[in-house]
Amino acid sequence: METPPNQFSNGEITVTFSPRKCIHAENCAKGLSEVFRTSIIPWINLDAATTKKIICQIGKCPSGALNYQNN
């Protein structure tokens, strides 16, 4: 099954990104640049950090553009 363009999964969680909500504060990239890569497509690489670190960083998104759910 193909993943929609703004959904990313690592088997433990699925991260969704809502571009219309994003205020481009770049908290995600500043805090976890190996996962949230602003100059590479696909820009979210969930294999680059632990699920716990990713969930923590998503919680710091000021606009709510990043969300996750457990798989």
N, C-alpha and C. Protein backbone atom coordinates (compact mmCIF):
# COMPACT_ATOMS: atom_id res chain seq x y z
N MET A 1 0.84 -1.18 0.00
CA MET A 1 0.00 0.00 0.00
C MET A 1 0.88 1.25 0.00
N GLU A 2 0.59 2.17 -0.89
CA GLU A 2 1.39 3.38 -1.02
C GLU A 2 0.99 4.40 0.04
N THR A 3 1.99 5.09 0.59
CA THR A 3 1.75 6.10 1.61
C THR A 3 1.46 7.44 0.93
N PRO A 4 0.43 8.18 1.37
CA PRO A 4 0.18 9.51 0.81
C PRO A 4 1.40 10.42 0.98
N PRO A 5 1.56 11.44 0.14
CA PRO A 5 2.76 12.28 0.14
C PRO A 5 3.12 12.94 1.47
N ASN A 6 2.18 13.26 2.30
CA ASN A 6 2.47 13.94 3.56
C ASN A 6 2.31 13.01 4.77
N GLN A 7 2.48 11.71 4.52
CA GLN A 7 2.48 10.72 5.60
C GLN A 7 3.78 9.92 5.52
N PHE A 8 4.36 9.69 6.68
CA PHE A 8 5.63 8.98 6.75
C PHE A 8 5.52 7.97 7.89
N SER A 9 6.00 6.75 7.66
CA SER A 9 5.88 5.71 8.68
C SER A 9 7.20 4.98 8.87
N ASN A 10 7.44 4.57 10.11
CA ASN A 10 8.62 3.76 10.41
C ASN A 10 8.22 2.39 10.97
N GLY A 11 6.96 2.06 10.89
CA GLY A 11 6.47 0.79 11.42
C GLY A 11 5.94 0.92 12.84
N GLU A 12 6.45 1.88 13.60
CA GLU A 12 5.98 2.12 14.97
C GLU A 12 4.97 3.26 15.02
N ILE A 13 5.25 4.32 14.26
CA ILE A 13 4.35 5.48 14.19
C ILE A 13 4.19 5.92 12.75
N THR A 14 3.11 6.66 12.49
CA THR A 14 2.91 7.33 11.21
C THR A 14 2.84 8.82 11.51
N VAL A 15 3.69 9.58 10.85
CA VAL A 15 3.74 11.03 11.02
C VAL A 15 3.02 11.66 9.84
N THR A 16 2.16 12.62 10.14
CA THR A 16 1.48 13.38 9.10
C THR A 16 1.90 14.84 9.18
N PHE A 17 2.01 15.44 8.01
CA PHE A 17 2.38 16.85 7.90
C PHE A 17 1.28 17.57 7.15
N SER A 18 0.76 18.65 7.75
CA SER A 18 -0.28 19.48 7.13
C SER A 18 0.35 20.81 6.70
N PRO A 19 0.76 20.91 5.43
CA PRO A 19 1.47 22.10 4.98
C PRO A 19 0.70 23.41 5.15
N ARG A 20 -0.60 23.36 5.07
CA ARG A 20 -1.40 24.60 5.22
C ARG A 20 -1.38 25.13 6.66
N LYS A 21 -1.11 24.25 7.62
CA LYS A 21 -1.02 24.68 9.02
C LYS A 21 0.36 25.21 9.38
N CYS A 22 1.37 24.79 8.63
CA CYS A 22 2.76 25.08 8.98
C CYS A 22 3.05 26.58 8.93
N ILE A 23 3.69 27.09 9.99
CA ILE A 23 4.08 28.51 10.03
C ILE A 23 5.58 28.66 9.78
N HIS A 24 6.25 27.60 9.42
CA HIS A 24 7.67 27.58 9.05
C HIS A 24 8.59 28.12 10.15
N ALA A 25 8.27 27.77 11.38
CA ALA A 25 9.15 28.14 12.50
C ALA A 25 10.42 27.29 12.49
N GLU A 26 10.37 26.16 11.81
CA GLU A 26 11.48 25.22 11.66
C GLU A 26 11.95 24.63 12.98
N ASN A 27 11.07 24.59 13.98
CA ASN A 27 11.42 23.93 15.24
C ASN A 27 11.78 22.47 15.00
N CYS A 28 11.09 21.84 14.06
CA CYS A 28 11.36 20.43 13.79
C CYS A 28 12.79 20.24 13.30
N ALA A 29 13.19 21.01 12.31
CA ALA A 29 14.52 20.87 11.72
C ALA A 29 15.62 21.35 12.67
N LYS A 30 15.35 22.37 13.42
CA LYS A 30 16.36 22.87 14.37
C LYS A 30 16.60 21.88 15.50
N GLY A 31 15.57 21.17 15.89
CA GLY A 31 15.69 20.24 17.01
C GLY A 31 16.09 18.83 16.64
N LEU A 32 15.78 18.42 15.41
CA LEU A 32 16.06 17.05 14.99
C LEU A 32 16.32 17.05 13.48
N SER A 33 17.42 17.69 13.09
CA SER A 33 17.71 17.91 11.67
C SER A 33 17.97 16.64 10.88
N GLU A 34 18.35 15.56 11.55
CA GLU A 34 18.58 14.32 10.82
C GLU A 34 17.26 13.66 10.40
N VAL A 35 16.17 14.03 11.03
CA VAL A 35 14.85 13.51 10.68
C VAL A 35 14.09 14.49 9.80
N PHE A 36 14.05 15.74 10.21
CA PHE A 36 13.30 16.78 9.50
C PHE A 36 14.28 17.61 8.67
N ARG A 37 14.44 17.22 7.41
CA ARG A 37 15.47 17.78 6.53
C ARG A 37 14.82 18.73 5.54
N THR A 38 15.07 20.00 5.67
CA THR A 38 14.36 21.00 4.86
C THR A 38 14.85 21.08 3.41
N SER A 39 15.99 20.49 3.10
CA SER A 39 16.51 20.63 1.73
C SER A 39 16.54 19.31 0.96
N ILE A 40 15.92 18.26 1.48
CA ILE A 40 15.93 16.95 0.84
C ILE A 40 14.50 16.44 0.73
N ILE A 41 14.20 15.78 -0.38
CA ILE A 41 12.88 15.17 -0.57
C ILE A 41 13.09 13.66 -0.63
N PRO A 42 12.35 12.84 0.11
CA PRO A 42 11.35 13.25 1.10
C PRO A 42 12.01 13.89 2.31
N TRP A 43 11.38 14.91 2.83
CA TRP A 43 12.04 15.72 3.86
C TRP A 43 11.96 15.13 5.26
N ILE A 44 11.10 14.13 5.47
CA ILE A 44 11.02 13.47 6.78
C ILE A 44 11.59 12.06 6.65
N ASN A 45 12.62 11.76 7.44
CA ASN A 45 13.27 10.46 7.44
C ASN A 45 13.16 9.86 8.85
N LEU A 46 12.14 9.06 9.07
CA LEU A 46 11.88 8.52 10.40
C LEU A 46 12.88 7.47 10.85
N ASP A 47 13.73 7.01 9.95
CA ASP A 47 14.75 6.02 10.31
C ASP A 47 15.99 6.67 10.93
N ALA A 48 16.04 7.98 10.98
CA ALA A 48 17.24 8.69 11.43
C ALA A 48 17.28 8.96 12.93
N ALA A 49 16.23 8.60 13.67
CA ALA A 49 16.22 8.81 15.12
C ALA A 49 15.23 7.82 15.75
N THR A 50 15.28 7.74 17.05
CA THR A 50 14.35 6.85 17.74
C THR A 50 12.94 7.42 17.68
N THR A 51 11.98 6.53 17.77
CA THR A 51 10.59 6.95 17.77
C THR A 51 10.31 7.90 18.93
N LYS A 52 10.89 7.64 20.07
CA LYS A 52 10.69 8.50 21.25
C LYS A 52 11.17 9.93 20.98
N LYS A 53 12.34 10.08 20.35
CA LYS A 53 12.86 11.42 20.02
C LYS A 53 11.96 12.12 19.00
N ILE A 54 11.48 11.38 18.03
CA ILE A 54 10.62 11.97 17.00
C ILE A 54 9.31 12.46 17.62
N ILE A 55 8.71 11.65 18.48
CA ILE A 55 7.46 12.05 19.15
C ILE A 55 7.68 13.30 19.99
N CYS A 56 8.79 13.35 20.69
CA CYS A 56 9.11 14.53 21.52
C CYS A 56 9.23 15.77 20.65
N GLN A 57 9.90 15.66 19.50
CA GLN A 57 10.09 16.81 18.62
C GLN A 57 8.77 17.24 17.99
N ILE A 58 7.94 16.31 17.60
CA ILE A 58 6.62 16.64 17.05
C ILE A 58 5.81 17.45 18.05
N GLY A 59 5.95 17.13 19.32
CA GLY A 59 5.25 17.86 20.38
C GLY A 59 5.67 19.32 20.50
N LYS A 60 6.79 19.67 19.90
CA LYS A 60 7.29 21.05 19.95
C LYS A 60 6.86 21.88 18.74
N CYS A 61 6.08 21.29 17.84
CA CYS A 61 5.61 22.01 16.65
C CYS A 61 4.57 23.05 17.08
N PRO A 62 4.87 24.35 16.90
CA PRO A 62 3.97 25.39 17.41
C PRO A 62 2.64 25.51 16.66
N SER A 63 2.61 25.07 15.42
CA SER A 63 1.39 25.23 14.62
C SER A 63 0.50 23.99 14.63
N GLY A 64 1.04 22.85 15.05
CA GLY A 64 0.28 21.62 14.99
C GLY A 64 0.29 21.00 13.60
N ALA A 65 1.20 21.44 12.74
CA ALA A 65 1.29 20.90 11.39
C ALA A 65 1.81 19.48 11.37
N LEU A 66 2.59 19.10 12.38
CA LEU A 66 3.11 17.74 12.51
C LEU A 66 2.31 16.99 13.57
N ASN A 67 1.88 15.80 13.22
CA ASN A 67 1.16 14.94 14.15
C ASN A 67 1.64 13.51 13.95
N TYR A 68 1.32 12.66 14.90
CA TYR A 68 1.67 11.25 14.76
C TYR A 68 0.57 10.39 15.37
N GLN A 69 0.57 9.16 14.94
CA GLN A 69 -0.27 8.15 15.60
C GLN A 69 0.51 6.85 15.63
N ASN A 70 0.26 6.07 16.66
CA ASN A 70 0.92 4.78 16.80
C ASN A 70 0.34 3.81 15.77
N ASN A 71 1.21 2.97 15.23
CA ASN A 71 0.76 1.96 14.25
C ASN A 71 0.26 0.73 14.96
